[in-house]
Protein backbone atom coordinates (compact mmCIF):
# COMPACT_ATOMS: atom_id res chain seq x y z
CA MET A 1 -62.86 -98.97 -158.98
CA GLN A 2 -63.13 -101.31 -156.02
CA THR A 3 -65.07 -101.15 -152.77
CA SER A 4 -65.32 -103.52 -149.87
CA ALA A 5 -68.92 -104.36 -150.83
CA LYS A 6 -68.67 -108.10 -151.54
CA LEU A 7 -72.47 -108.60 -151.52
CA GLY A 8 -74.66 -107.06 -154.21
CA ILE A 9 -78.43 -106.68 -153.97
CA ILE A 10 -80.60 -106.17 -157.04
CA GLY A 11 -84.07 -104.93 -156.15
CA GLY A 12 -87.01 -105.56 -158.44
CA SER A 13 -90.60 -104.36 -158.61
CA GLY A 14 -91.68 -102.78 -155.34
CA LEU A 15 -88.19 -102.79 -153.86
CA TYR A 16 -86.25 -99.61 -154.54
CA SER A 17 -84.62 -99.10 -151.13
CA MET A 18 -83.94 -101.07 -147.95
CA PRO A 19 -84.89 -100.09 -144.38
CA GLY A 20 -81.90 -100.23 -142.03
CA PHE A 21 -79.48 -99.70 -144.89
CA GLU A 22 -76.89 -97.11 -143.82
CA ILE A 23 -75.82 -95.32 -146.99
CA ASP A 24 -72.17 -94.38 -147.32
CA GLU A 25 -72.30 -93.12 -150.90
CA GLU A 26 -74.03 -93.30 -154.24
CA ILE A 27 -71.79 -94.29 -157.12
CA THR A 28 -72.62 -93.51 -160.73
CA LEU A 29 -70.67 -95.83 -163.03
CA ASP A 30 -69.92 -95.82 -166.72
CA THR A 31 -69.16 -99.34 -167.95
CA PRO A 32 -67.81 -100.56 -171.30
CA PHE A 33 -71.42 -101.62 -171.99
CA GLY A 34 -73.06 -98.33 -171.14
CA ALA A 35 -74.88 -97.01 -168.07
CA PRO A 36 -76.48 -99.24 -165.42
CA SER A 37 -80.11 -98.77 -164.42
CA ASP A 38 -79.36 -96.39 -161.55
CA PRO A 39 -76.50 -95.25 -159.33
CA TYR A 40 -75.30 -98.02 -157.01
CA VAL A 41 -76.00 -97.30 -153.38
CA VAL A 42 -73.10 -98.57 -151.29
CA GLY A 43 -73.30 -98.79 -147.54
CA ARG A 44 -73.79 -101.09 -144.57
CA LEU A 45 -76.60 -103.43 -143.64
CA ASP A 46 -76.36 -104.59 -140.03
CA GLY A 47 -72.64 -103.85 -140.19
CA HIS A 48 -72.05 -105.68 -143.48
CA SER A 49 -70.94 -103.85 -146.63
CA VAL A 50 -73.35 -104.19 -149.53
CA ALA A 51 -74.05 -102.52 -152.87
CA PHE A 52 -77.71 -102.00 -153.85
CA LEU A 53 -79.08 -101.44 -157.37
CA ALA A 54 -82.69 -100.69 -158.29
CA ARG A 55 -83.08 -102.91 -161.35
CA HIS A 56 -85.70 -100.74 -163.05
CA GLY A 57 -84.30 -97.47 -161.70
CA ARG A 58 -85.86 -95.60 -158.84
CA GLY A 59 -89.41 -94.75 -159.78
CA HIS A 60 -89.53 -97.88 -162.01
CA ARG A 61 -88.59 -96.11 -165.25
CA ILE A 62 -87.08 -98.96 -167.26
CA SER A 63 -89.07 -101.76 -168.89
CA PRO A 64 -87.73 -105.36 -168.69
CA SER A 65 -86.92 -105.32 -172.41
CA GLU A 66 -85.01 -102.06 -172.03
CA LEU A 67 -82.75 -103.17 -169.17
CA ASN A 68 -79.02 -102.96 -169.78
CA PHE A 69 -78.23 -106.27 -168.04
CA ARG A 70 -74.56 -106.21 -169.05
CA ALA A 71 -73.99 -102.80 -167.52
CA ASN A 72 -75.82 -103.76 -164.33
CA ILE A 73 -73.74 -106.88 -163.72
CA TYR A 74 -70.46 -105.35 -164.96
CA GLY A 75 -71.01 -102.46 -162.56
CA MET A 76 -71.28 -104.91 -159.67
CA LYS A 77 -68.01 -106.44 -160.78
CA MET A 78 -66.40 -102.99 -160.84
CA LEU A 79 -67.46 -102.52 -157.23
CA GLY A 80 -65.78 -105.77 -156.18
CA VAL A 81 -69.01 -107.68 -155.61
CA GLU A 82 -68.56 -111.45 -155.42
CA ARG A 83 -72.14 -112.49 -154.59
CA ILE A 84 -75.52 -111.20 -155.80
CA VAL A 85 -78.96 -111.69 -154.27
CA SER A 86 -81.52 -110.75 -156.92
CA LEU A 87 -85.09 -110.02 -155.83
CA SER A 88 -87.85 -110.39 -158.39
CA ALA A 89 -91.65 -110.17 -158.34
CA VAL A 90 -93.17 -113.18 -160.10
CA GLY A 91 -96.45 -114.86 -160.91
CA SER A 92 -97.09 -118.40 -159.77
CA LEU A 93 -97.66 -121.24 -162.23
CA LYS A 94 -98.48 -123.82 -159.58
CA GLU A 95 -101.20 -123.88 -156.95
CA GLU A 96 -98.57 -124.76 -154.30
CA HIS A 97 -96.73 -121.45 -154.78
CA ARG A 98 -99.08 -119.05 -153.09
CA PRO A 99 -98.98 -115.25 -153.14
CA LEU A 100 -96.61 -113.83 -150.48
CA GLU A 101 -94.42 -116.96 -150.64
CA PHE A 102 -90.83 -116.96 -151.91
CA VAL A 103 -89.41 -119.45 -154.41
CA ILE A 104 -85.62 -119.86 -154.69
CA PRO A 105 -85.33 -121.47 -158.14
CA HIS A 106 -82.52 -123.74 -159.23
CA GLN A 107 -83.34 -123.48 -162.94
CA PHE A 108 -84.33 -120.97 -165.62
CA PHE A 109 -86.17 -121.34 -168.92
CA ASP A 110 -85.72 -118.68 -171.59
CA ARG A 111 -88.72 -117.26 -173.45
CA THR A 112 -87.17 -113.86 -174.21
CA ARG A 113 -86.41 -112.64 -177.72
CA GLY A 114 -83.11 -111.12 -178.80
CA ARG A 115 -81.83 -109.89 -175.42
CA ILE A 116 -78.06 -109.65 -175.15
CA SER A 117 -76.98 -112.01 -172.37
CA THR A 118 -73.22 -112.35 -172.83
CA PHE A 119 -70.21 -110.13 -172.36
CA PHE A 120 -68.37 -112.01 -175.09
CA GLY A 121 -68.07 -111.38 -178.81
CA GLY A 122 -66.00 -108.90 -180.75
CA GLY A 123 -63.14 -111.34 -181.21
CA ILE A 124 -63.31 -113.37 -178.01
CA VAL A 125 -65.54 -116.44 -177.55
CA ALA A 126 -66.37 -118.18 -174.28
CA HIS A 127 -68.85 -120.92 -173.49
CA ILE A 128 -69.68 -121.11 -169.78
CA SER A 129 -71.26 -124.13 -168.11
CA PHE A 130 -74.82 -123.19 -167.29
CA ALA A 131 -76.46 -126.53 -166.51
CA ASP A 132 -76.90 -125.31 -162.93
CA PRO A 133 -77.40 -121.56 -163.25
CA VAL A 134 -77.81 -120.70 -159.56
CA CYS A 135 -75.02 -120.73 -156.97
CA PRO A 136 -75.81 -123.69 -154.67
CA GLN A 137 -74.17 -122.08 -151.65
CA MET A 138 -76.16 -118.87 -152.05
CA ALA A 139 -79.43 -120.73 -152.61
CA ALA A 140 -78.93 -122.81 -149.47
CA VAL A 141 -78.08 -119.74 -147.37
CA ALA A 142 -81.12 -117.84 -148.70
CA HIS A 143 -83.46 -120.74 -147.97
CA GLU A 144 -82.09 -121.22 -144.46
CA ALA A 145 -82.51 -117.52 -143.82
CA ALA A 146 -86.15 -117.63 -144.97
CA GLU A 147 -86.83 -120.60 -142.69
CA ALA A 148 -85.18 -118.87 -139.73
CA LEU A 149 -87.44 -115.84 -140.32
CA GLN A 150 -90.49 -118.07 -140.87
CA ILE A 151 -91.03 -116.68 -144.35
CA PRO A 152 -92.81 -119.34 -146.43
CA SER A 153 -90.35 -120.44 -149.12
CA LYS A 154 -89.47 -123.28 -151.41
CA LEU A 155 -85.95 -124.24 -152.48
CA GLY A 156 -85.90 -125.39 -156.09
CA GLY A 157 -88.09 -125.10 -159.16
CA THR A 158 -87.88 -123.31 -162.50
CA TYR A 159 -88.25 -119.60 -163.26
CA LEU A 160 -89.62 -119.05 -166.76
CA CYS A 161 -88.33 -115.72 -168.10
CA MET A 162 -90.71 -114.16 -170.59
CA GLU A 163 -90.17 -111.07 -172.74
CA GLY A 164 -93.02 -108.87 -171.60
CA PRO A 165 -93.94 -106.16 -170.87
CA ALA A 166 -97.44 -107.60 -171.40
CA PHE A 167 -98.29 -110.60 -169.25
CA SER A 168 -99.02 -114.02 -170.72
CA THR A 169 -102.12 -115.05 -172.61
CA ARG A 170 -104.11 -117.78 -170.94
CA ALA A 171 -102.97 -120.22 -173.65
CA GLU A 172 -99.30 -119.42 -172.99
CA SER A 173 -99.76 -119.70 -169.25
CA ASN A 174 -101.33 -123.15 -169.57
CA VAL A 175 -98.51 -124.31 -171.87
CA TYR A 176 -95.93 -123.18 -169.31
CA ARG A 177 -97.81 -125.10 -166.64
CA SER A 178 -97.81 -128.22 -168.82
CA TRP A 179 -94.02 -127.89 -169.09
CA GLY A 180 -93.72 -127.99 -165.29
CA MET A 181 -92.60 -124.40 -164.82
CA ASP A 182 -92.96 -122.98 -161.28
CA VAL A 183 -92.93 -119.18 -161.55
CA ILE A 184 -92.87 -116.60 -164.32
CA GLY A 185 -91.01 -113.30 -164.48
CA MET A 186 -89.36 -110.97 -166.99
CA THR A 187 -85.79 -110.29 -165.82
CA ASN A 188 -83.60 -112.78 -164.02
CA LEU A 189 -82.29 -115.20 -166.68
CA GLN A 190 -80.01 -112.62 -168.27
CA GLU A 191 -78.70 -111.57 -164.88
CA ALA A 192 -77.88 -115.17 -164.02
CA LYS A 193 -75.99 -115.77 -167.28
CA LEU A 194 -73.96 -112.59 -167.02
CA ALA A 195 -73.18 -113.14 -163.35
CA ARG A 196 -71.80 -116.59 -164.21
CA GLU A 197 -69.61 -115.09 -166.95
CA ALA A 198 -68.43 -112.43 -164.46
CA GLU A 199 -67.67 -115.25 -161.95
CA ILE A 200 -70.12 -113.77 -159.44
CA CYS A 201 -72.27 -116.08 -157.30
CA TYR A 202 -75.95 -115.49 -158.07
CA VAL A 203 -79.27 -116.41 -156.53
CA THR A 204 -82.83 -115.29 -157.28
CA ILE A 205 -85.44 -114.75 -154.63
CA ALA A 206 -88.69 -115.01 -156.62
CA MET A 207 -91.40 -113.25 -154.65
CA VAL A 208 -94.88 -114.44 -155.61
CA THR A 209 -97.41 -111.62 -155.96
CA ASP A 210 -100.27 -113.51 -157.62
CA TYR A 211 -101.24 -116.53 -159.65
CA ASP A 212 -100.71 -116.10 -163.37
CA CYS A 213 -103.78 -115.88 -165.63
CA TRP A 214 -104.27 -119.66 -165.71
CA HIS A 215 -105.83 -119.56 -162.26
CA GLU A 216 -109.65 -119.45 -161.99
CA GLU A 217 -109.48 -116.63 -159.44
CA HIS A 218 -107.09 -114.51 -161.51
CA ASP A 219 -109.70 -112.11 -162.84
CA ALA A 220 -110.88 -111.35 -159.30
CA VAL A 221 -107.44 -110.06 -158.26
CA THR A 222 -107.34 -106.27 -158.08
CA VAL A 223 -104.41 -103.90 -158.62
CA ASP A 224 -104.68 -102.88 -154.99
CA GLN A 225 -104.20 -106.50 -153.93
CA ILE A 226 -101.14 -106.85 -156.13
CA ILE A 227 -99.61 -103.64 -154.78
CA GLY A 228 -100.33 -104.82 -151.25
CA ASN A 229 -98.57 -108.11 -151.96
CA LEU A 230 -95.62 -106.19 -153.44
CA ARG A 231 -95.30 -104.17 -150.25
CA THR A 232 -95.49 -107.24 -148.00
CA ASN A 233 -92.99 -109.12 -150.16
CA ALA A 234 -90.64 -106.13 -150.07
CA GLU A 235 -90.75 -106.05 -146.27
CA ASN A 236 -89.99 -109.75 -146.06
CA ALA A 237 -87.27 -109.44 -148.73
CA CYS A 238 -85.51 -106.78 -146.66
CA LYS A 239 -85.57 -109.04 -143.61
CA LEU A 240 -84.26 -111.91 -145.69
CA VAL A 241 -81.41 -109.90 -147.19
CA ARG A 242 -80.35 -108.65 -143.76
CA ARG A 243 -80.29 -112.25 -142.52
CA VAL A 244 -78.29 -113.42 -145.54
CA ALA A 245 -75.74 -110.64 -145.07
CA LYS A 246 -75.39 -111.63 -141.44
CA VAL A 247 -74.90 -115.42 -141.91
CA LEU A 248 -73.16 -115.55 -145.27
CA PRO A 249 -69.87 -117.52 -144.99
CA GLY A 250 -66.72 -115.57 -145.76
CA ALA A 251 -65.27 -118.13 -148.13
CA ARG A 252 -66.90 -119.20 -151.37
CA THR A 253 -67.01 -122.99 -151.63
CA CYS A 254 -68.76 -123.12 -155.02
CA LYS A 255 -67.31 -123.14 -158.54
CA CYS A 256 -68.75 -119.75 -159.56
CA GLY A 257 -65.46 -117.94 -158.95
CA SER A 258 -63.68 -119.99 -161.63
CA ALA A 259 -66.46 -120.29 -164.19
CA LEU A 260 -64.27 -119.00 -167.01
CA LYS A 261 -61.26 -121.19 -166.27
CA HIS A 262 -61.97 -123.55 -169.16
CA ALA A 263 -64.63 -121.51 -170.99
CA ILE A 264 -62.51 -119.19 -173.18
CA ILE A 265 -62.20 -120.92 -176.56
CA THR A 266 -60.41 -118.28 -178.61
CA ASP A 267 -56.67 -118.68 -179.10
CA ARG A 268 -55.03 -116.11 -176.84
CA THR A 269 -52.87 -114.81 -179.70
CA SER A 270 -55.97 -114.14 -181.81
CA ILE A 271 -57.86 -111.97 -179.32
CA PRO A 272 -57.94 -108.31 -180.42
CA GLU A 273 -56.47 -105.78 -178.00
CA THR A 274 -59.79 -103.91 -177.99
CA ALA A 275 -61.56 -107.02 -176.69
CA LYS A 276 -58.86 -107.59 -174.07
CA GLU A 277 -59.20 -104.03 -172.82
CA LYS A 278 -63.00 -104.14 -172.77
CA LEU A 279 -63.11 -107.35 -170.75
CA GLU A 280 -59.95 -106.91 -168.68
CA LEU A 281 -61.90 -106.92 -165.43
CA ILE A 282 -63.51 -110.28 -166.28
CA VAL A 283 -60.89 -112.20 -168.28
CA GLY A 284 -57.64 -110.47 -167.38
CA LYS A 285 -56.44 -113.14 -164.96
CA TYR A 286 -56.81 -115.80 -167.67
CA LEU A 287 -55.15 -113.87 -170.45
CA SER A 288 -52.08 -112.83 -168.49
CA ALA A 289 -51.19 -116.40 -167.50
C-alpha cells in the first residue's frame, strides 16, 4: 500500500490528535511484524499530506515496554512515508532545559533492556551506520521552525532512553547527569534505529514537562502541573509540526535514503526466501540489483 503522505508524525504522551488536521481516512495495517499501536490517520495539514500515529494508542493504552516499534515504523514505510517527526514528552537532566522548552537531540543513549530494535535477523544481517542517529536536515528544519514560532528550543544534546515504566531513582538520575545526558524518555531510541534501517529520515522533538527527580524542586511538582505542561507542549508541538510541513524541502539532501546501501552483510545467495519476502519493502531494491 502506498499513499502520498511523505511526512509521518508520531505523537507521544499528551498528543493523540492534531488541530487543523483534515482527516481523509484511517488506515488499519497488518505488518510482517504485527499490528502498529493504532490506525494511521492520513490526511492534510495546511495542504500537506501527512500520516499521524498515536504512539501509545488513543487513550494511552500501551506502555513503553509494550510498544511494537517495528510495526509502527514498518507501517509508515508501507504508507510511503520518507520523513518522520517524532514527538516525545521528556524529563530534563540539566537546569538549562526548562519545562515547556523543546530539545531536538542529535544523540541517543540506550538504557533499555531487551527491546527489539532491528528489522533484520532470520537469515539476513545488516549493520547500519548509527554514529549520527538523527537526520541533520530534519533537525535543522525543526529547529528553524521552532525559532520562527518563538518556541524555546535547543538544537543538539543527548536523549537517554530508559526502560520504564517507573521513573528513575534519584541515584540513577544523578548518574545520568554526571554522564552529560540532556533529557530522559522511554521511547525514541528504538524508533530512530528502525527508521534508519527503513531509510526514513527521523527527528525527535523532546518536549520537556519537568525536571527529573535530581532537581531540588522535583517533589513540589504536582500531577496537575505536569498535565498542564503536557497540554501546553502539545499545543506548541502542533504549531511546530504545521510549520515543518509547510517549509520542508521537497528533496532529501541527507544520506538517510541510502542507509542500507553498504549495510547488508549476508551473501545474497544465502538469504532465505522467507526473509526476502518479509523485508521486500525495505531491502528489495538492493537484492534485485
